[in-house]
Amino acid sequence: MKYTTIHLSLILGASLLIGACADQLDLQPAQSVDQEIALNSDANIKRVLIGAYADLRDEDLWGGRTLLYAEMLSANGEIRWEGTFNQPREVYNKSIFTNNSFVTDTWLRAYSAINVCNNILEVINLVDEADRDRVRGEALFIRGAVYFELVKLYGLPYAAGNTGTNLAVPLVLNPTREVSEEDQAPRNTVEEVYQQVVSDLETAEGLLPETNGFFARNYVASALLSRVYLQMERFADARDAANRAIDLATANGKGLVNQYMAAFNNEADSQEDLFTIQVNAQDPDNSMHLFYSTPEFGGRDGDITILSSHINQYEPGDDRLEQFVVRAGETRTDKWREQFRNVKIIRLAEMYLTRAEANFREGTSIGATPLEDINRIRLRVNLPEKTSLSLDEILQERKLELAHEGHFIHDSKRTRREIQDNNTPTLQYPYDDPKLVFPIPQREMDANSSLIQNPGYGG
């Protein structure tokens, strides 16, 4: 009996063990735990929820690699991969092998997190009533967040159209305890996955509290929903979700930090952070630091160089230029300089930019005018206020404010912009080019006969 990626991962910090021998595929996943033991009490379910967060914060997901993938796919002749790791180089070169271990591990980790959430949701009535909504909301938030990452990476963009026929990833909404042939789920469509993401996050938003430590909160769900709606070109919904996130976050003490670079390299969340992945000596995963930083700060040899074609896009006097320094003989960004510092997932600045763009597209001024929101971002980095605004200017401000944080490829896809090849500058990839989409991992194709490979990858 072969097993797929859909497995129960209930032990914190455990990694999926993948054997090379064929007979090992007949083993049950190492993390399988007796359902009666693992999920039979309020306390155990809450411990398992922490396990779902552990999967989410792993380097294969929000611990850095989903951000790294976005930067490599959208390098656009503005950054250069110089490292020895073949996995990011394949993404950078738009020539990804189906056995790329990073791509495979992200798929595996994602379905581990999803299955943990599914198991929690099935037994949610065992959670103490006072905490039930919060626990359900957190499980739905994690599941929605993970499916959003999967659909962006392994499926064509929503903006490509044909969302009812273009394939994304398998939607698995029930817990898997013992894997059988019946669990070999086919890929669902882009539309189906997006609708599930929206459903999970909208429900989570209504269940989560305003304060919840560094775990998911209602305004974090609002913020993530604004990203989803942008990808779907539901601009009024994106505007409203961003506005809700701004209102709730600022009411709970959030705000832009005074100096741009003070938002980065923090041991604890800054005033500007809406959601981060906590990094410390006990949980050190941070792939962005590993590949962006240099040896004196615990990184590798400076695998990623920032090129002048990117730096020249900033206006003179822009404080965001302070992030660029020369180390190990090349220009680096200091956003990811320090080792044990949190990974930025959502900053408040993004919400102002989303609200500005969505208001501009809709011809509205919900929360603020687009000009007010853009000038808020510009004044923070010592740039003069604008007196008029175009959509291209809004998108450029977004690009520079959120640069090197894993956004540009997704913004390029939803706005239908081409991406330049990094080795042949005259070659441009259309926003819906299959080379900008990950392959279904070969391991999954071998284990699940119901899967169809993405165009351009064989199978």
Protein backbone atom coordinates (compact mmCIF):
# COMPACT_ATOMS: atom_id res chain seq x y z
CA MET A 1 0.00 0.00 0.00
CA LYS A 2 1.61 3.24 -1.12
CA TYR A 3 1.23 6.39 0.91
CA THR A 4 0.74 9.87 -0.44
CA THR A 5 1.60 13.18 1.13
CA ILE A 6 -1.64 13.15 3.07
CA HIS A 7 -0.45 11.97 6.44
CA LEU A 8 -0.90 12.74 10.12
CA SER A 9 1.89 14.87 11.51
CA LEU A 10 1.19 15.29 15.19
CA ILE A 11 4.64 15.35 16.72
CA LEU A 12 6.13 18.82 16.98
CA GLY A 13 9.16 19.42 14.87
CA ALA A 14 9.06 15.97 13.28
CA SER A 15 10.15 15.63 9.66
CA LEU A 16 8.60 13.33 7.11
CA LEU A 17 10.87 10.36 6.56
CA ILE A 18 11.18 9.44 2.90
CA GLY A 19 13.03 6.22 2.16
CA ALA A 20 14.85 5.39 -1.03
CA CYS A 21 13.85 1.74 -1.14
CA ALA A 22 10.61 0.75 -2.77
CA ASP A 23 9.44 -1.32 0.20
CA GLN A 24 9.59 1.76 2.42
CA LEU A 25 6.70 3.24 0.48
CA ASP A 26 4.54 0.54 2.06
CA LEU A 27 5.19 1.88 5.56
CA GLN A 28 2.77 4.07 7.44
CA PRO A 29 4.03 7.63 7.95
CA ALA A 30 6.31 7.89 10.94
CA GLN A 31 4.10 10.55 12.51
CA SER A 32 0.90 8.46 12.52
CA VAL A 33 -0.58 8.54 16.01
CA ASP A 34 -3.53 6.58 17.36
CA GLN A 35 -6.52 8.90 16.97
CA GLU A 36 -7.96 7.88 20.33
CA ILE A 37 -4.72 8.87 22.05
CA ALA A 38 -3.84 12.03 20.19
CA LEU A 39 -7.18 13.79 19.90
CA ASN A 40 -9.22 12.69 22.88
CA SER A 41 -9.10 15.80 25.06
CA ASP A 42 -9.07 19.58 25.02
CA ALA A 43 -5.41 19.68 26.08
CA ASN A 44 -4.26 17.20 23.44
CA ILE A 45 -6.12 18.99 20.65
CA LYS A 46 -4.49 22.28 21.63
CA ARG A 47 -1.08 20.62 21.59
CA VAL A 48 -1.82 19.26 18.14
CA LEU A 49 -2.77 22.79 17.02
CA ILE A 50 0.72 23.91 18.01
CA GLY A 51 1.93 21.12 15.73
CA ALA A 52 0.05 22.70 12.82
CA TYR A 53 1.78 26.01 13.55
CA ALA A 54 5.09 24.10 13.65
CA ASP A 55 4.44 22.86 10.12
CA LEU A 56 3.48 26.36 8.97
CA ARG A 57 6.62 27.91 10.46
CA ASP A 58 8.89 25.22 9.02
CA GLU A 59 11.47 26.41 6.48
CA ASP A 60 9.55 24.55 3.75
CA LEU A 61 6.64 26.98 4.15
CA TRP A 62 6.55 30.33 5.95
CA GLY A 63 9.94 29.70 7.54
CA GLY A 64 11.38 31.18 4.38
CA ARG A 65 11.12 29.01 1.30
CA THR A 66 7.78 30.23 -0.02
CA LEU A 67 9.24 33.74 0.11
CA LEU A 68 12.48 32.56 -1.47
CA TYR A 69 10.62 30.83 -4.32
CA ALA A 70 8.75 34.05 -5.07
CA GLU A 71 11.98 36.03 -5.20
CA MET A 72 13.72 33.49 -7.45
CA LEU A 73 10.77 33.27 -9.87
CA SER A 74 10.55 37.06 -10.09
CA ALA A 75 14.26 37.90 -10.15
CA ASN A 76 13.56 39.79 -13.39
CA GLY A 77 17.21 40.68 -13.96
CA GLU A 78 17.18 42.63 -10.67
CA ILE A 79 18.71 40.03 -8.35
CA ARG A 80 21.14 37.19 -9.06
CA TRP A 81 21.42 33.73 -7.53
CA GLU A 82 25.08 32.90 -6.93
CA GLY A 83 24.74 30.02 -4.50
CA THR A 84 25.72 26.39 -4.90
CA PHE A 85 22.29 24.97 -4.03
CA ASN A 86 20.75 23.57 -7.21
CA GLN A 87 17.16 23.73 -5.92
CA PRO A 88 16.86 27.54 -5.81
CA ARG A 89 18.98 27.81 -8.95
CA GLU A 90 16.43 25.71 -10.86
CA VAL A 91 13.67 28.08 -9.73
CA TYR A 92 15.80 31.11 -10.65
CA ASN A 93 16.52 29.64 -14.11
CA LYS A 94 12.86 28.66 -14.65
CA SER A 95 14.08 25.12 -15.27
CA ILE A 96 12.74 23.08 -12.36
CA PHE A 97 13.19 19.33 -12.23
CA THR A 98 10.26 17.27 -10.98
CA ASN A 99 12.51 15.76 -8.30
CA ASN A 100 13.59 19.15 -6.92
CA SER A 101 13.78 18.39 -3.20
CA PHE A 102 12.74 21.89 -2.07
CA VAL A 103 9.63 21.78 -4.25
CA THR A 104 8.82 18.29 -2.99
CA ASP A 105 9.37 19.13 0.67
CA THR A 106 7.11 22.17 0.46
CA TRP A 107 4.31 20.00 -0.92
CA LEU A 108 4.83 17.41 1.82
CA ARG A 109 4.98 19.94 4.62
CA ALA A 110 1.89 21.70 3.32
CA TYR A 111 -0.21 18.55 3.33
CA SER A 112 1.11 17.67 6.76
CA ALA A 113 -0.22 20.99 8.09
CA ILE A 114 -3.50 20.55 6.23
CA ASN A 115 -4.07 17.10 7.64
CA VAL A 116 -3.37 18.23 11.19
CA CYS A 117 -5.97 20.98 10.74
CA ASN A 118 -8.47 18.52 9.29
CA ASN A 119 -8.06 16.25 12.30
CA ILE A 120 -8.56 19.15 14.70
CA LEU A 121 -11.68 20.34 12.90
CA GLU A 122 -13.24 16.88 13.06
CA VAL A 123 -13.04 16.75 16.86
CA ILE A 124 -13.57 20.44 17.55
CA ASN A 125 -16.49 19.70 19.87
CA LEU A 126 -14.02 18.17 22.36
CA VAL A 127 -12.40 21.57 22.86
CA ASP A 128 -13.58 23.55 25.87
CA GLU A 129 -16.48 25.73 24.77
CA ALA A 130 -14.74 28.92 25.85
CA ASP A 131 -11.86 28.24 23.45
CA ARG A 132 -13.67 26.37 20.69
CA ASP A 133 -14.17 29.26 18.29
CA ARG A 134 -10.56 30.35 18.62
CA VAL A 135 -9.15 26.86 18.03
CA ARG A 136 -11.45 26.30 15.06
CA GLY A 137 -10.51 29.70 13.67
CA GLU A 138 -6.79 29.00 13.99
CA ALA A 139 -7.11 25.61 12.26
CA LEU A 140 -9.09 27.18 9.41
CA PHE A 141 -6.62 30.05 9.14
CA ILE A 142 -3.67 27.67 8.81
CA ARG A 143 -5.45 25.44 6.31
CA GLY A 144 -6.53 28.44 4.22
CA ALA A 145 -3.06 29.98 4.34
CA VAL A 146 -1.38 26.75 3.24
CA TYR A 147 -3.79 26.12 0.38
CA PHE A 148 -3.25 29.71 -0.76
CA GLU A 149 0.50 29.10 -0.97
CA LEU A 150 -0.05 25.83 -2.83
CA VAL A 151 -2.45 27.25 -5.41
CA LYS A 152 -0.09 30.14 -6.15
CA LEU A 153 2.93 27.89 -6.62
CA TYR A 154 1.54 24.74 -8.27
CA GLY A 155 -1.30 26.18 -10.35
CA LEU A 156 -1.64 28.80 -13.07
CA PRO A 157 -2.56 32.27 -11.75
CA TYR A 158 -6.18 33.20 -11.23
CA ALA A 159 -5.71 36.05 -13.70
CA ALA A 160 -5.02 33.51 -16.47
CA GLY A 161 -8.74 32.74 -16.62
CA ASN A 162 -10.16 29.26 -17.20
CA THR A 163 -10.19 28.90 -13.42
CA GLY A 164 -12.87 26.23 -13.68
CA THR A 165 -10.62 23.98 -15.78
CA ASN A 166 -7.01 24.90 -14.92
CA LEU A 167 -5.71 22.47 -12.33
CA ALA A 168 -4.25 23.43 -8.96
CA VAL A 169 -3.75 20.94 -6.12
CA PRO A 170 -5.86 18.23 -4.45
CA LEU A 171 -8.37 19.59 -1.96
CA VAL A 172 -8.35 17.30 1.05
CA LEU A 173 -10.83 18.44 3.70
CA ASN A 174 -11.23 15.30 5.78
CA PRO A 175 -8.65 13.81 8.13
CA THR A 176 -6.44 10.99 6.90
CA ARG A 177 -5.44 8.45 9.53
CA GLU A 178 -4.70 5.32 7.53
CA VAL A 179 -3.69 5.97 3.95
CA SER A 180 -5.23 3.77 1.27
CA GLU A 181 -5.83 3.87 -2.47
CA GLU A 182 -9.03 5.81 -1.75
CA ASP A 183 -6.90 8.70 -0.53
CA GLN A 184 -5.28 9.21 -3.94
CA ALA A 185 -7.12 12.44 -4.58
CA PRO A 186 -7.01 14.13 -8.02
CA ARG A 187 -6.10 17.78 -8.48
CA ASN A 188 -8.91 20.27 -7.98
CA THR A 189 -9.30 23.33 -10.17
CA VAL A 190 -7.87 26.75 -9.44
CA GLU A 191 -11.40 28.02 -8.81
CA GLU A 192 -12.22 25.26 -6.34
CA VAL A 193 -9.06 25.82 -4.33
CA TYR A 194 -9.50 29.59 -4.24
CA GLN A 195 -13.10 29.23 -3.11
CA GLN A 196 -11.99 26.94 -0.29
CA VAL A 197 -9.28 29.39 0.74
CA VAL A 198 -11.83 32.21 0.85
CA SER A 199 -14.27 30.09 2.84
CA ASP A 200 -11.63 29.04 5.38
CA LEU A 201 -10.28 32.55 5.87
CA GLU A 202 -13.66 34.30 5.97
CA THR A 203 -14.85 31.86 8.62
CA ALA A 204 -11.59 32.19 10.54
CA GLU A 205 -11.87 35.97 10.52
CA GLY A 206 -15.22 35.75 12.27
CA LEU A 207 -13.95 33.29 14.88
CA LEU A 208 -10.52 34.59 15.82
CA PRO A 209 -9.99 37.06 18.66
CA GLU A 210 -8.28 40.44 18.34
CA THR A 211 -5.47 39.37 20.68
CA ASN A 212 -3.84 35.95 20.58
CA GLY A 213 -0.15 36.33 21.28
CA PHE A 214 1.86 35.75 18.11
CA PHE A 215 -0.72 33.27 16.80
CA ALA A 216 -3.46 34.06 14.27
CA ARG A 217 -5.80 36.94 15.09
CA ASN A 218 -8.87 38.28 13.32
CA TYR A 219 -7.04 41.14 11.62
CA VAL A 220 -4.38 38.71 10.40
CA ALA A 221 -7.12 36.72 8.67
CA SER A 222 -8.46 40.00 7.22
CA ALA A 223 -5.00 40.86 5.93
CA LEU A 224 -4.48 37.48 4.31
CA LEU A 225 -7.94 37.68 2.76
CA SER A 226 -6.94 40.97 1.15
CA ARG A 227 -4.09 39.13 -0.60
CA VAL A 228 -6.42 36.41 -1.79
CA TYR A 229 -8.96 38.88 -3.14
CA LEU A 230 -6.23 40.79 -4.99
CA GLN A 231 -5.19 37.60 -6.78
CA MET A 232 -8.83 37.04 -7.71
CA GLU A 233 -9.21 40.67 -8.85
CA ARG A 234 -12.03 41.16 -6.36
CA PHE A 235 -10.82 44.67 -5.67
CA ALA A 236 -13.73 45.91 -3.56
CA ASP A 237 -13.36 42.88 -1.29
CA ALA A 238 -9.57 43.39 -1.14
CA ARG A 239 -10.11 47.03 -0.20
CA ASP A 240 -12.59 46.18 2.54
CA ALA A 241 -10.47 43.37 3.98
CA ALA A 242 -7.37 45.58 4.05
CA ASN A 243 -9.41 48.35 5.67
CA ARG A 244 -10.68 45.97 8.35
CA ALA A 245 -7.14 44.79 9.01
CA ILE A 246 -5.91 48.38 9.33
CA ASP A 247 -8.74 49.42 11.64
CA LEU A 248 -8.43 46.41 13.95
CA ALA A 249 -4.63 46.35 13.96
CA THR A 250 -4.24 50.05 14.71
CA ALA A 251 -6.91 49.79 17.40
CA ASN A 252 -4.70 47.15 18.99
CA GLY A 253 -1.58 49.30 18.97
CA LYS A 254 -0.12 48.53 15.55
CA GLY A 255 1.36 51.25 13.37
CA LEU A 256 4.18 52.01 10.96
CA VAL A 257 7.54 52.23 12.69
CA ASN A 258 9.22 55.61 12.29
CA GLN A 259 12.29 54.34 10.43
CA TYR A 260 11.90 51.85 7.60
CA MET A 261 14.75 49.49 8.51
CA ALA A 262 13.55 49.36 12.13
CA ALA A 263 10.84 47.04 10.83
CA PHE A 264 13.45 44.34 10.13
CA ASN A 265 15.92 42.16 12.03
CA ASN A 266 13.79 42.09 15.17
CA GLU A 267 13.86 39.43 17.87
CA ALA A 268 10.25 40.21 18.75
CA ASP A 269 7.42 41.53 16.59
CA SER A 270 7.72 45.20 15.80
CA GLN A 271 4.82 47.62 16.00
CA GLU A 272 4.37 47.18 12.26
CA ASP A 273 4.20 43.39 12.17
CA LEU A 274 0.78 41.81 11.76
CA PHE A 275 2.08 38.25 11.46
CA THR A 276 5.58 36.85 11.61
CA ILE A 277 7.30 33.51 12.05
CA GLN A 278 9.21 33.51 15.32
CA VAL A 279 12.86 32.49 14.98
CA ASN A 280 15.20 31.68 17.86
CA ALA A 281 17.92 29.22 18.84
CA GLN A 282 15.31 26.53 19.54
CA ASP A 283 13.42 27.14 16.26
CA PRO A 284 16.14 28.51 13.96
CA ASP A 285 14.61 27.91 10.52
CA ASN A 286 14.88 31.04 8.37
CA SER A 287 15.73 30.29 4.76
CA MET A 288 15.68 33.97 3.85
CA HIS A 289 18.49 34.69 6.28
CA LEU A 290 20.36 31.55 5.25
CA PHE A 291 20.55 32.54 1.59
CA TYR A 292 20.41 36.35 1.75
CA SER A 293 22.87 36.98 4.56
CA THR A 294 26.63 36.45 4.76
CA PRO A 295 28.96 34.43 7.04
CA GLU A 296 29.67 37.20 9.58
CA PHE A 297 25.93 37.16 10.40
CA GLY A 298 25.56 33.37 10.35
CA GLY A 299 24.49 33.08 6.71
CA ARG A 300 26.09 31.29 3.79
CA ASP A 301 28.40 33.02 1.35
CA GLY A 302 25.91 35.59 0.13
CA ASP A 303 23.92 33.48 -2.32
CA ILE A 304 21.77 36.38 -3.54
CA THR A 305 23.12 39.62 -5.01
CA ILE A 306 21.03 42.74 -5.55
CA LEU A 307 21.74 44.28 -8.96
CA SER A 308 21.87 47.93 -9.96
CA SER A 309 18.85 47.46 -12.23
CA HIS A 310 16.80 47.11 -9.04
CA ILE A 311 18.53 49.74 -6.92
CA ASN A 312 18.22 52.36 -9.68
CA GLN A 313 14.42 52.22 -9.40
CA TYR A 314 14.48 54.03 -6.03
CA GLU A 315 14.24 57.81 -5.94
CA PRO A 316 17.22 59.76 -4.54
CA GLY A 317 16.85 60.20 -0.78
CA ASP A 318 14.58 57.16 -0.34
CA ASP A 319 15.38 55.70 3.10
CA ARG A 320 14.70 52.25 1.69
CA LEU A 321 18.08 52.53 -0.03
CA GLU A 322 19.66 52.09 3.41
CA GLN A 323 18.95 48.36 3.24
CA PHE A 324 21.55 47.89 0.49
CA VAL A 325 25.12 47.29 1.63
CA VAL A 326 28.21 45.76 0.08
CA ARG A 327 29.33 42.57 1.83
CA ALA A 328 31.32 39.61 0.53
CA GLY A 329 32.10 41.65 -2.56
CA GLU A 330 28.50 42.21 -3.72
CA THR A 331 25.45 44.30 -2.87
CA ARG A 332 23.06 42.68 -0.38
CA THR A 333 19.79 43.61 1.25
CA ASP A 334 19.92 43.88 5.04
CA LYS A 335 16.27 42.94 5.43
CA TRP A 336 17.45 39.41 6.23
CA ARG A 337 20.83 40.16 7.82
CA GLU A 338 20.50 38.74 11.34
CA GLN A 339 20.15 35.03 12.12
CA PHE A 340 17.63 34.70 14.95
CA ARG A 341 15.13 37.28 13.79
CA ASN A 342 11.51 36.79 12.80
CA VAL A 343 10.38 36.15 9.24
CA LYS A 344 8.06 38.88 7.99
CA ILE A 345 4.84 37.44 6.61
CA ILE A 346 2.45 40.42 6.79
CA ARG A 347 3.37 44.03 7.57
CA LEU A 348 0.91 46.86 8.09
CA ALA A 349 2.51 48.78 5.20
CA GLU A 350 1.19 46.14 2.80
CA MET A 351 -2.37 46.83 3.94
CA TYR A 352 -2.06 50.55 3.16
CA LEU A 353 -0.73 49.69 -0.29
CA THR A 354 -3.51 47.19 -0.93
CA ARG A 355 -6.17 49.64 0.21
CA ALA A 356 -4.67 52.35 -2.01
CA GLU A 357 -4.60 50.14 -5.10
CA ALA A 358 -8.07 48.69 -4.56
CA ASN A 359 -9.60 52.10 -3.84
CA PHE A 360 -7.93 53.49 -6.97
CA ARG A 361 -9.27 50.68 -9.13
CA GLU A 362 -12.77 51.04 -7.69
CA GLY A 363 -12.80 54.85 -7.71
CA THR A 364 -13.50 54.92 -3.98
CA SER A 365 -11.94 56.31 -0.80
CA ILE A 366 -12.85 53.73 1.83
CA GLY A 367 -10.70 54.39 4.90
CA ALA A 368 -8.52 56.92 3.07
CA THR A 369 -7.92 58.19 -0.43
CA PRO A 370 -5.31 56.33 -2.51
CA LEU A 371 -3.14 59.47 -2.42
CA GLU A 372 -3.30 59.61 1.39
CA ASP A 373 -2.25 55.97 1.74
CA ILE A 374 0.59 56.23 -0.78
CA ASN A 375 1.88 59.44 0.79
CA ARG A 376 1.77 57.74 4.19
CA ILE A 377 4.21 55.15 2.81
CA ARG A 378 6.37 57.76 1.06
CA LEU A 379 6.66 60.14 3.99
CA ARG A 380 7.91 57.33 6.21
CA VAL A 381 10.91 56.86 3.88
CA ASN A 382 11.63 60.59 3.53
CA LEU A 383 10.13 61.05 0.06
CA PRO A 384 8.01 64.06 -0.96
CA GLU A 385 4.26 63.72 -1.12
CA LYS A 386 2.68 63.13 -4.48
CA THR A 387 -0.08 65.44 -5.67
CA SER A 388 -1.48 63.04 -8.26
CA LEU A 389 -1.34 59.31 -8.75
CA SER A 390 -1.52 56.61 -11.42
CA LEU A 391 -1.99 52.86 -11.07
CA ASP A 392 1.56 52.26 -12.29
CA GLU A 393 2.87 54.55 -9.55
CA ILE A 394 0.91 52.65 -6.92
CA LEU A 395 2.24 49.31 -8.16
CA GLN A 396 5.80 50.64 -8.25
CA GLU A 397 5.48 51.93 -4.69
CA ARG A 398 4.24 48.50 -3.68
CA LYS A 399 7.13 46.80 -5.44
CA LEU A 400 9.79 48.90 -3.70
CA GLU A 401 8.19 48.89 -0.26
CA LEU A 402 7.76 45.10 -0.22
CA ALA A 403 10.88 44.22 -2.21
CA HIS A 404 12.72 41.02 -1.21
CA GLU A 405 9.78 39.87 0.93
CA GLY A 406 8.21 37.40 -1.49
CA HIS A 407 5.56 39.49 -3.23
CA PHE A 408 6.65 40.54 -6.71
CA ILE A 409 5.97 37.31 -8.65
CA HIS A 410 2.40 37.16 -7.34
CA ASP A 411 1.81 40.84 -8.07
CA SER A 412 3.29 40.36 -11.56
CA LYS A 413 0.97 37.45 -12.26
CA ARG A 414 -2.19 39.20 -11.10
CA THR A 415 -1.32 42.37 -13.04
CA ARG A 416 -0.33 40.36 -16.14
CA ARG A 417 3.24 41.62 -16.31
CA GLU A 418 6.08 39.79 -18.03
CA ILE A 419 9.13 38.52 -16.17
CA GLN A 420 12.57 38.86 -17.75
CA ASP A 421 14.77 35.81 -18.09
CA ASN A 422 17.84 36.15 -15.88
CA ASN A 423 20.28 34.67 -18.40
CA THR A 424 18.84 36.00 -21.67
CA PRO A 425 17.51 39.55 -21.07
CA THR A 426 15.68 39.62 -24.40
CA LEU A 427 13.58 36.63 -23.33
CA GLN A 428 10.38 37.53 -21.50
CA TYR A 429 8.05 35.11 -19.73
CA PRO A 430 4.33 35.91 -19.95
CA TYR A 431 2.61 36.11 -16.57
CA ASP A 432 0.87 32.78 -17.26
CA ASP A 433 3.90 30.93 -18.62
CA PRO A 434 4.03 27.32 -17.32
CA LYS A 435 7.70 27.90 -16.44
CA LEU A 436 6.49 30.21 -13.66
CA VAL A 437 4.54 27.31 -12.13
CA PHE A 438 6.04 24.50 -10.07
CA PRO A 439 5.83 20.89 -11.22
CA ILE A 440 3.85 18.37 -9.24
CA PRO A 441 6.67 16.53 -7.39
CA GLN A 442 7.67 13.30 -9.10
CA ARG A 443 7.29 11.48 -5.82
CA GLU A 444 3.60 12.41 -5.80
CA MET A 445 3.14 11.46 -9.42
CA ASP A 446 4.60 8.02 -8.66
CA ALA A 447 2.52 7.54 -5.50
CA ASN A 448 -0.80 8.88 -6.81
CA SER A 449 -2.00 7.75 -10.23
CA SER A 450 -4.86 10.28 -10.07
CA LEU A 451 -2.52 13.25 -10.48
CA ILE A 452 -1.90 15.05 -13.78
CA GLN A 453 1.44 16.80 -14.26
CA ASN A 454 1.67 20.50 -15.08
CA PRO A 455 2.37 21.48 -18.71
CA GLY A 456 6.03 21.45 -19.66
CA TYR A 457 7.10 18.87 -17.10
CA GLY A 458 6.21 15.64 -18.86
CA GLY A 459 3.99 13.01 -17.27
